[in-house]
């Protein structure tokens, strides 16, 4: 997979993703960080239902995982969450 994920596509966050950011802001997760992770992930894997999972580092112990759907015209962030690095690296 290319690391040039949707460079020219608009990125929208689902209502669920926006709600999660409100609750997770204390961990350093912001809408800007989510968008940056989708645009330039440290790693990219395939998820269920054709979704993609972009990852970036939050802290020494945590990653940000952003699950999104990509169409011809845009990217929809479905959800996001912090995860322990040792589980996914």
Protein backbone atom coordinates (compact mmCIF):
# COMPACT_ATOMS: atom_id res chain seq x y z
CA UNK A 1 0.00 0.00 0.00
CA UNK A 2 1.14 3.48 -0.76
CA UNK A 3 1.98 5.83 2.07
CA UNK A 4 0.54 8.64 -0.06
CA UNK A 5 -2.93 7.96 1.34
CA UNK A 6 -5.51 10.26 -0.15
CA UNK A 7 -3.25 13.28 -0.34
CA UNK A 8 -5.82 15.22 -2.39
CA UNK A 9 -8.99 13.76 -0.85
CA UNK A 10 -11.08 15.50 1.77
CA UNK A 11 -11.17 13.79 5.15
CA UNK A 12 -14.36 13.76 7.19
CA UNK A 13 -14.88 12.39 10.68
CA UNK A 14 -17.99 10.40 11.50
CA UNK A 15 -20.12 11.64 14.41
CA UNK A 16 -18.77 8.66 16.39
CA UNK A 17 -15.14 9.65 15.71
CA UNK A 18 -15.82 13.27 16.72
CA UNK A 19 -17.40 12.08 19.97
CA UNK A 20 -14.40 9.84 20.73
CA UNK A 21 -11.99 12.74 20.18
CA UNK A 22 -13.89 14.77 22.79
CA UNK A 23 -13.38 11.98 25.32
CA UNK A 24 -9.79 11.18 24.33
CA UNK A 25 -8.41 14.72 24.09
CA UNK A 26 -6.65 14.16 27.45
CA UNK A 27 -4.47 11.49 25.78
CA UNK A 28 -3.30 13.97 23.15
CA UNK A 29 -5.68 12.81 20.42
CA UNK A 30 -7.03 15.69 18.35
CA UNK A 31 -8.83 15.95 15.03
CA UNK A 32 -5.62 17.36 13.56
CA UNK A 33 -3.62 14.36 14.81
CA UNK A 34 -6.21 11.96 13.34
CA UNK A 35 -6.08 13.67 9.93
CA UNK A 36 -2.27 13.75 10.01
CA UNK A 37 -2.22 10.02 10.81
CA UNK A 38 -4.45 9.24 7.83
CA UNK A 39 -2.41 11.45 5.48
CA UNK A 40 0.99 10.20 6.62
CA UNK A 41 0.73 6.98 8.66
CA UNK A 42 3.72 5.30 10.25
CA UNK A 43 2.06 2.03 9.25
CA UNK A 44 -1.03 1.10 7.26
CA UNK A 45 -2.93 -2.18 7.34
CA UNK A 46 -6.20 -3.53 6.03
CA UNK A 47 -9.14 -3.87 8.38
CA UNK A 48 -12.56 -5.45 8.11
CA UNK A 49 -15.02 -4.57 5.32
CA UNK A 50 -12.33 -3.00 3.14
CA UNK A 51 -11.46 -0.41 5.74
CA UNK A 52 -7.91 0.77 6.34
CA UNK A 53 -6.13 1.25 9.66
CA UNK A 54 -3.52 4.00 9.90
CA UNK A 55 -1.20 4.14 12.92
CA UNK A 56 1.04 6.80 14.42
CA UNK A 57 2.92 7.17 17.70
CA UNK A 58 1.27 9.00 20.59
CA UNK A 59 3.72 8.25 23.40
CA UNK A 60 6.45 5.73 24.20
CA UNK A 61 3.71 3.30 25.19
CA UNK A 62 0.72 4.28 23.02
CA UNK A 63 -0.22 4.37 19.34
CA UNK A 64 -3.10 6.14 17.68
CA UNK A 65 -5.11 3.79 15.43
CA UNK A 66 -7.45 5.46 12.94
CA UNK A 67 -9.96 3.27 11.07
CA UNK A 68 -11.29 4.78 7.87
CA UNK A 69 -13.11 4.09 4.60
CA UNK A 70 -11.74 5.50 1.37
CA UNK A 71 -13.82 6.18 -1.74
CA UNK A 72 -12.89 7.80 -5.04
CA UNK A 73 -13.72 11.24 -3.67
CA UNK A 74 -13.15 11.29 0.07
CA UNK A 75 -12.06 9.57 3.26
CA UNK A 76 -14.40 8.93 6.18
CA UNK A 77 -12.81 8.30 9.58
CA UNK A 78 -15.07 5.71 11.19
CA UNK A 79 -13.39 5.51 14.59
CA UNK A 80 -10.06 5.95 16.34
CA UNK A 81 -8.49 4.84 19.58
CA UNK A 82 -5.27 4.72 21.53
CA UNK A 83 -3.64 1.30 21.77
CA UNK A 84 -0.62 -0.17 23.50
CA UNK A 85 2.35 -0.19 21.16
CA UNK A 86 3.48 -3.66 22.23
CA UNK A 87 0.21 -5.12 20.93
CA UNK A 88 0.61 -3.82 17.38
CA UNK A 89 4.34 -3.56 16.79
